[in-house]
PDB file of all heavy atoms in Angstrom:
ATOM      1  N   LYS A   1       8.723 286.238 -43.586  1.00  0.00           N
ATOM      2  CA  LYS A   1       8.663 286.621 -42.175  1.00  0.00           C
ATOM      3  C   LYS A   1       8.527 288.138 -42.038  1.00  0.00           C
ATOM      4  O   LYS A   1       9.387 288.898 -42.488  1.00  0.00           O
ATOM      5  CB  LYS A   1       9.931 286.144 -41.464  1.00  0.00           C
ATOM      6  CG  LYS A   1       9.946 286.392 -39.993  1.00  0.00           C
ATOM      7  CD  LYS A   1       9.180 285.332 -39.268  1.00  0.00           C
ATOM      8  CE  LYS A   1       9.433 285.503 -37.767  1.00  0.00           C
ATOM      9  NZ  LYS A   1       8.480 284.813 -37.001  1.00  0.00           N
ATOM     10  N   GLY A   2       7.387 288.599 -41.504  1.00  0.00           N
ATOM     11  CA  GLY A   2       7.157 290.021 -41.276  1.00  0.00           C
ATOM     12  C   GLY A   2       6.659 290.805 -42.480  1.00  0.00           C
ATOM     13  O   GLY A   2       6.362 291.980 -42.358  1.00  0.00           O
ATOM     14  N   ASN A   3       6.541 290.158 -43.658  1.00  0.00           N
ATOM     15  CA  ASN A   3       6.054 290.837 -44.865  1.00  0.00           C
ATOM     16  C   ASN A   3       4.678 290.303 -45.235  1.00  0.00           C
ATOM     17  O   ASN A   3       4.522 289.109 -45.497  1.00  0.00           O
ATOM     18  CB  ASN A   3       7.023 290.625 -46.037  1.00  0.00           C
ATOM     19  CG  ASN A   3       8.316 291.351 -45.828  1.00  0.00           C
ATOM     20  OD1 ASN A   3       8.342 292.487 -45.380  1.00  0.00           O
ATOM     21  ND2 ASN A   3       9.411 290.683 -46.140  1.00  0.00           N
ATOM     22  N   TRP A   4       3.720 291.194 -45.274  1.00  0.00           N
ATOM     23  CA  TRP A   4       2.331 290.834 -45.538  1.00  0.00           C
ATOM     24  C   TRP A   4       1.862 291.449 -46.843  1.00  0.00           C
ATOM     25  O   TRP A   4       2.259 292.543 -47.203  1.00  0.00           O
ATOM     26  CB  TRP A   4       1.441 291.335 -44.401  1.00  0.00           C
ATOM     27  CG  TRP A   4       1.714 290.649 -43.108  1.00  0.00           C
ATOM     28  CD1 TRP A   4       2.717 290.930 -42.224  1.00  0.00           C
ATOM     29  CD2 TRP A   4       0.995 289.559 -42.569  1.00  0.00           C
ATOM     30  NE1 TRP A   4       2.658 290.080 -41.152  1.00  0.00           N
ATOM     31  CE2 TRP A   4       1.605 289.224 -41.334  1.00  0.00           C
ATOM     32  CE3 TRP A   4      -0.109 288.828 -42.990  1.00  0.00           C
ATOM     33  CZ2 TRP A   4       1.142 288.194 -40.535  1.00  0.00           C
ATOM     34  CZ3 TRP A   4      -0.573 287.806 -42.184  1.00  0.00           C
ATOM     35  CH2 TRP A   4       0.056 287.492 -40.973  1.00  0.00           C
ATOM     36  N   THR A   5       0.995 290.736 -47.543  1.00  0.00           N
ATOM     37  CA  THR A   5       0.368 291.252 -48.749  1.00  0.00           C
ATOM     38  C   THR A   5      -0.992 290.580 -48.894  1.00  0.00           C
ATOM     39  O   THR A   5      -1.276 289.576 -48.239  1.00  0.00           O
ATOM     40  CB  THR A   5       1.245 291.018 -49.996  1.00  0.00           C
ATOM     41  OG1 THR A   5       0.730 291.797 -51.077  1.00  0.00           O
ATOM     42  CG2 THR A   5       1.287 289.556 -50.404  1.00  0.00           C
ATOM     43  N   TYR A   6      -1.808 291.122 -49.772  1.00  0.00           N
ATOM     44  CA  TYR A   6      -3.114 290.525 -50.025  1.00  0.00           C
ATOM     45  C   TYR A   6      -2.958 289.307 -50.926  1.00  0.00           C
ATOM     46  O   TYR A   6      -2.152 289.306 -51.864  1.00  0.00           O
ATOM     47  CB  TYR A   6      -4.063 291.541 -50.671  1.00  0.00           C
ATOM     48  CG  TYR A   6      -4.449 292.628 -49.714  1.00  0.00           C
ATOM     49  CD1 TYR A   6      -3.830 293.867 -49.761  1.00  0.00           C
ATOM     50  CD2 TYR A   6      -5.410 292.402 -48.742  1.00  0.00           C
ATOM     51  CE1 TYR A   6      -4.169 294.863 -48.863  1.00  0.00           C
ATOM     52  CE2 TYR A   6      -5.752 293.393 -47.827  1.00  0.00           C
ATOM     53  CZ  TYR A   6      -5.127 294.620 -47.900  1.00  0.00           C
ATOM     54  OH  TYR A   6      -5.452 295.588 -46.999  1.00  0.00           O
ATOM     55  N   LEU A   7      -3.725 288.262 -50.651  1.00  0.00           N
ATOM     56  CA  LEU A   7      -3.667 287.043 -51.448  1.00  0.00           C
ATOM     57  C   LEU A   7      -3.911 287.347 -52.921  1.00  0.00           C
ATOM     58  O   LEU A   7      -3.243 286.776 -53.790  1.00  0.00           O
ATOM     59  CB  LEU A   7      -4.683 286.024 -50.929  1.00  0.00           C
ATOM     60  CG  LEU A   7      -4.758 284.702 -51.686  1.00  0.00           C
ATOM     61  CD1 LEU A   7      -3.409 283.974 -51.649  1.00  0.00           C
ATOM     62  CD2 LEU A   7      -5.855 283.834 -51.101  1.00  0.00           C
ATOM     63  N   GLN A   8      -4.831 288.260 -53.219  1.00  0.00           N
ATOM     64  CA  GLN A   8      -5.113 288.565 -54.624  1.00  0.00           C
ATOM     65  C   GLN A   8      -3.883 289.123 -55.330  1.00  0.00           C
ATOM     66  O   GLN A   8      -3.671 288.860 -56.510  1.00  0.00           O
ATOM     67  CB  GLN A   8      -6.317 289.501 -54.782  1.00  0.00           C
ATOM     68  CG  GLN A   8      -6.142 290.880 -54.218  1.00  0.00           C
ATOM     69  CD  GLN A   8      -6.771 291.066 -52.857  1.00  0.00           C
ATOM     70  OE1 GLN A   8      -7.038 290.100 -52.152  1.00  0.00           O
ATOM     71  NE2 GLN A   8      -7.019 292.298 -52.471  1.00  0.00           N
ATOM     72  N   ASP A   9      -3.039 289.868 -54.621  1.00  0.00           N
ATOM     73  CA  ASP A   9      -1.802 290.383 -55.227  1.00  0.00           C
ATOM     74  C   ASP A   9      -0.901 289.231 -55.654  1.00  0.00           C
ATOM     75  O   ASP A   9      -0.373 289.222 -56.771  1.00  0.00           O
ATOM     76  CB  ASP A   9      -1.033 291.272 -54.246  1.00  0.00           C
ATOM     77  CG  ASP A   9      -1.734 292.575 -53.941  1.00  0.00           C
ATOM     78  OD1 ASP A   9      -2.803 292.837 -54.505  1.00  0.00           O
ATOM     79  OD2 ASP A   9      -1.192 293.341 -53.125  1.00  0.00           O
ATOM     80  N   LEU A  10      -0.719 288.266 -54.764  1.00  0.00           N
ATOM     81  CA  LEU A  10       0.136 287.126 -55.080  1.00  0.00           C
ATOM     82  C   LEU A  10      -0.425 286.315 -56.243  1.00  0.00           C
ATOM     83  O   LEU A  10       0.312 285.908 -57.144  1.00  0.00           O
ATOM     84  CB  LEU A  10       0.309 286.224 -53.857  1.00  0.00           C
ATOM     85  CG  LEU A  10       1.045 286.814 -52.668  1.00  0.00           C
ATOM     86  CD1 LEU A  10       1.066 285.817 -51.509  1.00  0.00           C
ATOM     87  CD2 LEU A  10       2.460 287.210 -53.044  1.00  0.00           C
ATOM     88  N   LEU A  11      -1.735 286.077 -56.226  1.00  0.00           N
ATOM     89  CA  LEU A  11      -2.348 285.284 -57.287  1.00  0.00           C
ATOM     90  C   LEU A  11      -2.250 285.967 -58.645  1.00  0.00           C
ATOM     91  O   LEU A  11      -1.933 285.324 -59.650  1.00  0.00           O
ATOM     92  CB  LEU A  11      -3.814 284.987 -56.947  1.00  0.00           C
ATOM     93  CG  LEU A  11      -4.036 284.075 -55.746  1.00  0.00           C
ATOM     94  CD1 LEU A  11      -5.523 283.984 -55.421  1.00  0.00           C
ATOM     95  CD2 LEU A  11      -3.441 282.698 -55.984  1.00  0.00           C
ATOM     96  N   VAL A  12      -2.492 287.268 -58.691  1.00  0.00           N
ATOM     97  CA  VAL A  12      -2.396 288.006 -59.958  1.00  0.00           C
ATOM     98  C   VAL A  12      -0.956 288.033 -60.442  1.00  0.00           C
ATOM     99  O   VAL A  12      -0.685 287.805 -61.625  1.00  0.00           O
ATOM    100  CB  VAL A  12      -2.969 289.439 -59.814  1.00  0.00           C
ATOM    101  CG1 VAL A  12      -2.655 290.284 -61.043  1.00  0.00           C
ATOM    102  CG2 VAL A  12      -4.476 289.382 -59.595  1.00  0.00           C
ATOM    103  N   ARG A  13      -0.006 288.305 -59.560  1.00  0.00           N
ATOM    104  CA  ARG A  13       1.413 288.353 -59.949  1.00  0.00           C
ATOM    105  C   ARG A  13       1.899 287.040 -60.536  1.00  0.00           C
ATOM    106  O   ARG A  13       2.728 287.027 -61.436  1.00  0.00           O
ATOM    107  CB  ARG A  13       2.290 288.683 -58.730  1.00  0.00           C
ATOM    108  CG  ARG A  13       2.258 290.109 -58.333  1.00  0.00           C
ATOM    109  CD  ARG A  13       3.222 290.329 -57.170  1.00  0.00           C
ATOM    110  NE  ARG A  13       2.916 291.571 -56.511  1.00  0.00           N
ATOM    111  CZ  ARG A  13       2.974 291.773 -55.210  1.00  0.00           C
ATOM    112  NH1 ARG A  13       3.369 290.806 -54.398  1.00  0.00           N
ATOM    113  NH2 ARG A  13       2.676 292.938 -54.693  1.00  0.00           N
ATOM    114  N   GLN A  14       1.385 285.927 -60.011  1.00  0.00           N
ATOM    115  CA  GLN A  14       1.822 284.615 -60.487  1.00  0.00           C
ATOM    116  C   GLN A  14       0.974 284.091 -61.650  1.00  0.00           C
ATOM    117  O   GLN A  14       1.203 282.991 -62.131  1.00  0.00           O
ATOM    118  CB  GLN A  14       1.792 283.611 -59.330  1.00  0.00           C
ATOM    119  CG  GLN A  14       2.811 283.913 -58.254  1.00  0.00           C
ATOM    120  CD  GLN A  14       4.231 283.897 -58.796  1.00  0.00           C
ATOM    121  OE1 GLN A  14       4.627 283.001 -59.524  1.00  0.00           O
ATOM    122  NE2 GLN A  14       4.999 284.917 -58.462  1.00  0.00           N
ATOM    123  N   GLY A  15      -0.010 284.876 -62.071  1.00  0.00           N
ATOM    124  CA  GLY A  15      -0.829 284.480 -63.211  1.00  0.00           C
ATOM    125  C   GLY A  15      -1.929 283.496 -62.882  1.00  0.00           C
ATOM    126  O   GLY A  15      -2.425 282.805 -63.769  1.00  0.00           O
ATOM    127  N   PHE A  16      -2.364 283.434 -61.628  1.00  0.00           N
ATOM    128  CA  PHE A  16      -3.416 282.502 -61.235  1.00  0.00           C
ATOM    129  C   PHE A  16      -4.747 283.190 -60.941  1.00  0.00           C
ATOM    130  O   PHE A  16      -5.666 282.558 -60.422  1.00  0.00           O
ATOM    131  CB  PHE A  16      -2.975 281.678 -60.026  1.00  0.00           C
ATOM    132  CG  PHE A  16      -1.858 280.739 -60.348  1.00  0.00           C
ATOM    133  CD1 PHE A  16      -0.608 280.917 -59.798  1.00  0.00           C
ATOM    134  CD2 PHE A  16      -2.047 279.693 -61.235  1.00  0.00           C
ATOM    135  CE1 PHE A  16       0.433 280.062 -60.101  1.00  0.00           C
ATOM    136  CE2 PHE A  16      -1.014 278.832 -61.556  1.00  0.00           C
ATOM    137  CZ  PHE A  16       0.232 279.017 -60.985  1.00  0.00           C
ATOM    138  N   ALA A  17      -4.835 284.470 -61.250  1.00  0.00           N
ATOM    139  CA  ALA A  17      -6.089 285.205 -61.081  1.00  0.00           C
ATOM    140  C   ALA A  17      -6.098 286.346 -62.081  1.00  0.00           C
ATOM    141  O   ALA A  17      -5.062 286.783 -62.559  1.00  0.00           O
ATOM    142  CB  ALA A  17      -6.206 285.752 -59.659  1.00  0.00           C
ATOM    143  N   ARG A  18      -7.279 286.821 -62.391  1.00  0.00           N
ATOM    144  CA  ARG A  18      -7.400 287.963 -63.294  1.00  0.00           C
ATOM    145  C   ARG A  18      -8.048 289.118 -62.543  1.00  0.00           C
ATOM    146  O   ARG A  18      -8.683 288.915 -61.506  1.00  0.00           O
ATOM    147  CB  ARG A  18      -8.181 287.603 -64.541  1.00  0.00           C
ATOM    148  CG  ARG A  18      -9.581 287.147 -64.278  1.00  0.00           C
ATOM    149  CD  ARG A  18     -10.225 286.600 -65.540  1.00  0.00           C
ATOM    150  NE  ARG A  18     -11.546 286.108 -65.234  1.00  0.00           N
ATOM    151  CZ  ARG A  18     -12.655 286.695 -65.618  1.00  0.00           C
ATOM    152  NH1 ARG A  18     -12.614 287.776 -66.357  1.00  0.00           N
ATOM    153  NH2 ARG A  18     -13.824 286.200 -65.294  1.00  0.00           N
ATOM    154  N   VAL A  19      -7.887 290.295 -63.059  1.00  0.00           N
ATOM    155  CA  VAL A  19      -8.442 291.492 -62.438  1.00  0.00           C
ATOM    156  C   VAL A  19      -9.799 291.749 -63.075  1.00  0.00           C
ATOM    157  O   VAL A  19      -9.884 292.061 -64.253  1.00  0.00           O
ATOM    158  CB  VAL A  19      -7.508 292.709 -62.630  1.00  0.00           C
ATOM    159  CG1 VAL A  19      -8.082 293.936 -61.932  1.00  0.00           C
ATOM    160  CG2 VAL A  19      -6.108 292.396 -62.135  1.00  0.00           C
ATOM    161  N   ASP A  20     -10.853 291.601 -62.278  1.00  0.00           N
ATOM    162  CA  ASP A  20     -12.203 291.752 -62.801  1.00  0.00           C
ATOM    163  C   ASP A  20     -13.151 291.850 -61.613  1.00  0.00           C
ATOM    164  O   ASP A  20     -12.819 291.443 -60.510  1.00  0.00           O
ATOM    165  CB  ASP A  20     -12.569 290.542 -63.661  1.00  0.00           C
ATOM    166  CG  ASP A  20     -13.819 290.754 -64.475  1.00  0.00           C
ATOM    167  OD1 ASP A  20     -14.206 291.915 -64.709  1.00  0.00           O
ATOM    168  OD2 ASP A  20     -14.418 289.750 -64.899  1.00  0.00           O
ATOM    169  N   GLY A  21     -14.303 292.405 -61.840  1.00  0.00           N
ATOM    170  CA  GLY A  21     -15.328 292.392 -60.814  1.00  0.00           C
ATOM    171  C   GLY A  21     -15.376 293.648 -59.975  1.00  0.00           C
ATOM    172  O   GLY A  21     -14.813 294.682 -60.303  1.00  0.00           O
ATOM    173  N   ILE A  22     -16.035 293.519 -58.868  1.00  0.00           N
ATOM    174  CA  ILE A  22     -16.303 294.624 -57.964  1.00  0.00           C
ATOM    175  C   ILE A  22     -15.129 294.813 -57.017  1.00  0.00           C
ATOM    176  O   ILE A  22     -14.506 293.850 -56.597  1.00  0.00           O
ATOM    177  CB  ILE A  22     -17.589 294.338 -57.174  1.00  0.00           C
ATOM    178  CG1 ILE A  22     -18.748 294.174 -58.150  1.00  0.00           C
ATOM    179  CG2 ILE A  22     -17.884 295.437 -56.176  1.00  0.00           C
ATOM    180  CD1 ILE A  22     -19.975 293.583 -57.529  1.00  0.00           C
ATOM    181  N   THR A  23     -14.852 296.037 -56.671  1.00  0.00           N
ATOM    182  CA  THR A  23     -13.749 296.318 -55.761  1.00  0.00           C
ATOM    183  C   THR A  23     -14.261 296.958 -54.478  1.00  0.00           C
ATOM    184  O   THR A  23     -15.371 297.477 -54.431  1.00  0.00           O
ATOM    185  CB  THR A  23     -12.735 297.279 -56.404  1.00  0.00           C
ATOM    186  OG1 THR A  23     -13.414 298.494 -56.704  1.00  0.00           O
ATOM    187  CG2 THR A  23     -12.142 296.693 -57.661  1.00  0.00           C
ATOM    188  N   THR A  24     -13.439 296.921 -53.477  1.00  0.00           N
ATOM    189  CA  THR A  24     -13.733 297.574 -52.209  1.00  0.00           C
ATOM    190  C   THR A  24     -12.444 298.227 -51.717  1.00  0.00           C
ATOM    191  O   THR A  24     -11.358 297.724 -51.996  1.00  0.00           O
ATOM    192  CB  THR A  24     -14.271 296.568 -51.167  1.00  0.00           C
ATOM    193  OG1 THR A  24     -14.695 297.262 -50.009  1.00  0.00           O
ATOM    194  CG2 THR A  24     -13.249 295.532 -50.785  1.00  0.00           C
ATOM    195  N   PRO A  25     -12.542 299.349 -51.024  1.00  0.00           N
ATOM    196  CA  PRO A  25     -11.314 299.947 -50.470  1.00  0.00           C
ATOM    197  C   PRO A  25     -10.611 298.964 -49.534  1.00  0.00           C
ATOM    198  O   PRO A  25     -11.247 298.184 -48.832  1.00  0.00           O
ATOM    199  CB  PRO A  25     -11.828 301.164 -49.698  1.00  0.00           C
ATOM    200  CG  PRO A  25     -13.159 301.471 -50.301  1.00  0.00           C
ATOM    201  CD  PRO A  25     -13.724 300.148 -50.739  1.00  0.00           C
ATOM    202  N   LEU A  26      -9.298 298.991 -49.558  1.00  0.00           N
ATOM    203  CA  LEU A  26      -8.515 298.102 -48.706  1.00  0.00           C
ATOM    204  C   LEU A  26      -8.389 298.703 -47.313  1.00  0.00           C
ATOM    205  O   LEU A  26      -8.092 299.882 -47.172  1.00  0.00           O
ATOM    206  CB  LEU A  26      -7.130 297.898 -49.303  1.00  0.00           C
ATOM    207  CG  LEU A  26      -7.103 297.331 -50.722  1.00  0.00           C
ATOM    208  CD1 LEU A  26      -5.684 297.327 -51.259  1.00  0.00           C
ATOM    209  CD2 LEU A  26      -7.704 295.939 -50.748  1.00  0.00           C
ATOM    210  N   PRO A  27      -8.609 297.903 -46.274  1.00  0.00           N
ATOM    211  CA  PRO A  27      -8.506 298.421 -44.908  1.00  0.00           C
ATOM    212  C   PRO A  27      -7.081 298.883 -44.596  1.00  0.00           C
ATOM    213  O   PRO A  27      -6.116 298.218 -44.953  1.00  0.00           O
ATOM    214  CB  PRO A  27      -8.877 297.227 -44.031  1.00  0.00           C
ATOM    215  CG  PRO A  27      -9.330 296.152 -44.936  1.00  0.00           C
ATOM    216  CD  PRO A  27      -8.960 296.508 -46.322  1.00  0.00           C
ATOM    217  N   ASP A  28      -6.966 300.010 -43.946  1.00  0.00           N
ATOM    218  CA  ASP A  28      -5.671 300.550 -43.516  1.00  0.00           C
ATOM    219  C   ASP A  28      -4.657 300.663 -44.645  1.00  0.00           C
ATOM    220  O   ASP A  28      -3.461 300.509 -44.431  1.00  0.00           O
ATOM    221  CB  ASP A  28      -5.076 299.704 -42.386  1.00  0.00           C
ATOM    222  CG  ASP A  28      -5.965 299.691 -41.156  1.00  0.00           C
ATOM    223  OD1 ASP A  28      -6.597 300.736 -40.889  1.00  0.00           O
ATOM    224  OD2 ASP A  28      -6.050 298.653 -40.486  1.00  0.00           O
ATOM    225  N   ASP A  29      -5.121 300.905 -45.865  1.00  0.00           N
ATOM    226  CA  ASP A  29      -4.232 301.033 -47.016  1.00  0.00           C
ATOM    227  C   ASP A  29      -4.397 302.439 -47.568  1.00  0.00           C
ATOM    228  O   ASP A  29      -5.514 302.891 -47.786  1.00  0.00           O
ATOM    229  CB  ASP A  29      -4.603 299.994 -48.073  1.00  0.00           C
ATOM    230  CG  ASP A  29      -3.515 299.785 -49.093  1.00  0.00           C
ATOM    231  OD1 ASP A  29      -3.162 300.758 -49.778  1.00  0.00           O
ATOM    232  OD2 ASP A  29      -3.016 298.649 -49.207  1.00  0.00           O
ATOM    233  N   LYS A  30      -3.295 303.124 -47.785  1.00  0.00           N
ATOM    234  CA  LYS A  30      -3.357 304.520 -48.222  1.00  0.00           C
ATOM    235  C   LYS A  30      -3.639 304.669 -49.718  1.00  0.00           C
ATOM    236  O   LYS A  30      -3.952 305.751 -50.184  1.00  0.00           O
ATOM    237  CB  LYS A  30      -2.042 305.217 -47.872  1.00  0.00           C
ATOM    238  CG  LYS A  30      -1.851 305.374 -46.374  1.00  0.00           C
ATOM    239  CD  LYS A  30      -0.547 306.077 -46.067  1.00  0.00           C
ATOM    240  CE  LYS A  30      -0.432 306.461 -44.632  1.00  0.00           C
ATOM    241  NZ  LYS A  30      -0.172 305.488 -43.670  1.00  0.00           N
ATOM    242  N   ARG A  31      -3.545 303.572 -50.481  1.00  0.00           N
ATOM    243  CA  ARG A  31      -3.807 303.656 -51.923  1.00  0.00           C
ATOM    244  C   ARG A  31      -5.306 303.820 -52.191  1.00  0.00           C
ATOM    245  O   ARG A  31      -6.138 303.226 -51.508  1.00  0.00           O
ATOM    246  CB  ARG A  31      -3.332 302.392 -52.625  1.00  0.00           C
ATOM    247  CG  ARG A  31      -1.846 302.186 -52.558  1.00  0.00           C
ATOM    248  CD  ARG A  31      -1.464 300.850 -53.123  1.00  0.00           C
ATOM    249  NE  ARG A  31      -1.887 299.793 -52.190  1.00  0.00           N
ATOM    250  CZ  ARG A  31      -1.641 298.511 -52.371  1.00  0.00           C
ATOM    251  NH1 ARG A  31      -0.980 298.102 -53.437  1.00  0.00           N
ATOM    252  NH2 ARG A  31      -2.045 297.618 -51.490  1.00  0.00           N
ATOM    253  N   SER A  32      -5.609 304.604 -53.221  1.00  0.00           N
ATOM    254  CA  SER A  32      -7.003 304.697 -53.656  1.00  0.00           C
ATOM    255  C   SER A  32      -7.354 303.411 -54.399  1.00  0.00           C
ATOM    256  O   SER A  32      -6.472 302.662 -54.835  1.00  0.00           O
ATOM    257  CB  SER A  32      -7.193 305.893 -54.587  1.00  0.00           C
ATOM    258  OG  SER A  32      -6.535 305.670 -55.821  1.00  0.00           O
ATOM    259  N   VAL A  33      -8.641 303.156 -54.553  1.00  0.00           N
ATOM    260  CA  VAL A  33      -9.085 301.980 -55.300  1.00  0.00           C
ATOM    261  C   VAL A  33      -8.530 302.035 -56.719  1.00  0.00           C
ATOM    262  O   VAL A  33      -8.055 301.032 -57.247  1.00  0.00           O
ATOM    263  CB  VAL A  33     -10.630 301.876 -55.299  1.00  0.00           C
ATOM    264  CG1 VAL A  33     -11.095 300.796 -56.250  1.00  0.00           C
ATOM    265  CG2 VAL A  33     -11.154 301.616 -53.899  1.00  0.00           C
ATOM    266  N   GLU A  34      -8.541 303.206 -57.327  1.00  0.00           N
ATOM    267  CA  GLU A  34      -8.044 303.366 -58.698  1.00  0.00           C
ATOM    268  C   GLU A  34      -6.547 303.045 -58.792  1.00  0.00           C
ATOM    269  O   GLU A  34      -6.102 302.364 -59.715  1.00  0.00           O
ATOM    270  CB  GLU A  34      -8.310 304.779 -59.219  1.00  0.00           C
ATOM    271  CG  GLU A  34      -9.774 305.109 -59.405  1.00  0.00           C
ATOM    272  CD  GLU A  34     -10.495 305.459 -58.100  1.00  0.00           C
ATOM    273  OE1 GLU A  34      -9.820 305.780 -57.086  1.00  0.00           O
ATOM    274  OE2 GLU A  34     -11.733 305.378 -58.082  1.00  0.00           O
ATOM    275  N   THR A  35      -5.767 303.530 -57.828  1.00  0.00           N
ATOM    276  CA  THR A  35      -4.330 303.256 -57.812  1.00  0.00           C
ATOM    277  C   THR A  35      -4.077 301.767 -57.636  1.00  0.00           C
ATOM    278  O   THR A  35      -3.251 301.170 -58.333  1.00  0.00           O
ATOM    279  CB  THR A  35      -3.634 304.045 -56.688  1.00  0.00           C
ATOM    280  OG1 THR A  35      -3.806 305.440 -56.940  1.00  0.00           O
ATOM    281  CG2 THR A  35      -2.156 303.720 -56.598  1.00  0.00           C
ATOM    282  N   TYR A  36      -4.787 301.158 -56.711  1.00  0.00           N
ATOM    283  CA  TYR A  36      -4.611 299.731 -56.459  1.00  0.00           C
ATOM    284  C   TYR A  36      -4.973 298.910 -57.696  1.00  0.00           C
ATOM    285  O   TYR A  36      -4.245 297.994 -58.085  1.00  0.00           O
ATOM    286  CB  TYR A  36      -5.437 299.304 -55.249  1.00  0.00           C
ATOM    287  CG  TYR A  36      -5.279 297.848 -54.922  1.00  0.00           C
ATOM    288  CD1 TYR A  36      -4.041 297.332 -54.573  1.00  0.00           C
ATOM    289  CD2 TYR A  36      -6.360 296.985 -54.974  1.00  0.00           C
ATOM    290  CE1 TYR A  36      -3.886 295.986 -54.279  1.00  0.00           C
ATOM    291  CE2 TYR A  36      -6.219 295.644 -54.679  1.00  0.00           C
ATOM    292  CZ  TYR A  36      -4.977 295.152 -54.339  1.00  0.00           C
ATOM    293  OH  TYR A  36      -4.822 293.824 -54.057  1.00  0.00           O
ATOM    294  N   LEU A  37      -6.096 299.239 -58.337  1.00  0.00           N
ATOM    295  CA  LEU A  37      -6.494 298.520 -59.547  1.00  0.00           C
ATOM    296  C   LEU A  37      -5.458 298.672 -60.657  1.00  0.00           C
ATOM    297  O   LEU A  37      -5.162 297.718 -61.380  1.00  0.00           O
ATOM    298  CB  LEU A  37      -7.856 299.005 -60.041  1.00  0.00           C
ATOM    299  CG  LEU A  37      -9.063 298.437 -59.325  1.00  0.00           C
ATOM    300  CD1 LEU A  37     -10.336 299.113 -59.808  1.00  0.00           C
ATOM    301  CD2 LEU A  37      -9.144 296.931 -59.533  1.00  0.00           C
ATOM    302  N   SER A  38      -4.897 299.853 -60.785  1.00  0.00           N
ATOM    303  CA  SER A  38      -3.854 300.084 -61.778  1.00  0.00           C
ATOM    304  C   SER A  38      -2.641 299.188 -61.503  1.00  0.00           C
ATOM    305  O   SER A  38      -2.072 298.588 -62.422  1.00  0.00           O
ATOM    306  CB  SER A  38      -3.452 301.555 -61.782  1.00  0.00           C
ATOM    307  OG  SER A  38      -2.395 301.779 -62.673  1.00  0.00           O
ATOM    308  N   GLN A  39      -2.263 299.074 -60.237  1.00  0.00           N
ATOM    309  CA  GLN A  39      -1.137 298.208 -59.872  1.00  0.00           C
ATOM    310  C   GLN A  39      -1.453 296.746 -60.165  1.00  0.00           C
ATOM    311  O   GLN A  39      -0.606 296.011 -60.694  1.00  0.00           O
ATOM    312  CB  GLN A  39      -0.776 298.402 -58.405  1.00  0.00           C
ATOM    313  CG  GLN A  39      -0.161 299.745 -58.113  1.00  0.00           C
ATOM    314  CD  GLN A  39      -0.005 300.024 -56.627  1.00  0.00           C
ATOM    315  OE1 GLN A  39      -0.556 299.328 -55.780  1.00  0.00           O
ATOM    316  NE2 GLN A  39       0.757 301.055 -56.318  1.00  0.00           N
ATOM    317  N   LEU A  40      -2.661 296.313 -59.845  1.00  0.00           N
ATOM    318  CA  LEU A  40      -3.055 294.936 -60.136  1.00  0.00           C
ATOM    319  C   LEU A  40      -3.038 294.671 -61.639  1.00  0.00           C
ATOM    320  O   LEU A  40      -2.583 293.615 -62.090  1.00  0.00           O
ATOM    321  CB  LEU A  40      -4.445 294.633 -59.578  1.00  0.00           C
ATOM    322  CG  LEU A  40      -4.558 294.289 -58.111  1.00  0.00           C
ATOM    323  CD1 LEU A  40      -6.025 294.042 -57.736  1.00  0.00           C
ATOM    324  CD2 LEU A  40      -3.722 293.082 -57.748  1.00  0.00           C
ATOM    325  N   ARG A  41      -3.532 295.623 -62.419  1.00  0.00           N
ATOM    326  CA  ARG A  41      -3.528 295.457 -63.889  1.00  0.00           C
ATOM    327  C   ARG A  41      -2.106 295.368 -64.433  1.00  0.00           C
ATOM    328  O   ARG A  41      -1.838 294.599 -65.357  1.00  0.00           O
ATOM    329  CB  ARG A  41      -4.303 296.587 -64.548  1.00  0.00           C
ATOM    330  CG  ARG A  41      -5.793 296.462 -64.335  1.00  0.00           C
ATOM    331  CD  ARG A  41      -6.577 297.535 -65.065  1.00  0.00           C
ATOM    332  NE  ARG A  41      -7.980 297.418 -64.737  1.00  0.00           N
ATOM    333  CZ  ARG A  41      -8.679 298.340 -64.092  1.00  0.00           C
ATOM    334  NH1 ARG A  41      -8.113 299.473 -63.725  1.00  0.00           N
ATOM    335  NH2 ARG A  41      -9.945 298.148 -63.827  1.00  0.00           N
ATOM    336  N   ASP A  42      -1.189 296.133 -63.844  1.00  0.00           N
ATOM    337  CA  ASP A  42       0.224 296.041 -64.232  1.00  0.00           C
ATOM    338  C   ASP A  42       0.775 294.648 -63.920  1.00  0.00           C
ATOM    339  O   ASP A  42       1.477 294.058 -64.744  1.00  0.00           O
ATOM    340  CB  ASP A  42       1.063 297.106 -63.527  1.00  0.00           C
ATOM    341  CG  ASP A  42       0.833 298.502 -64.049  1.00  0.00           C
ATOM    342  OD1 ASP A  42       0.249 298.656 -65.145  1.00  0.00           O
ATOM    343  OD2 ASP A  42       1.224 299.455 -63.343  1.00  0.00           O
TER     344      ASP A  42
END
């Protein structure tokens, strides 16, 4: 309730998706694409 995240974050965290492919900047997100990709890889 009140906590939002991107579906890809949940899928990667639970091991149901891999980090690969083309990226796009996230709307209204202060992280750079590089920072976000680093977090997803972690």
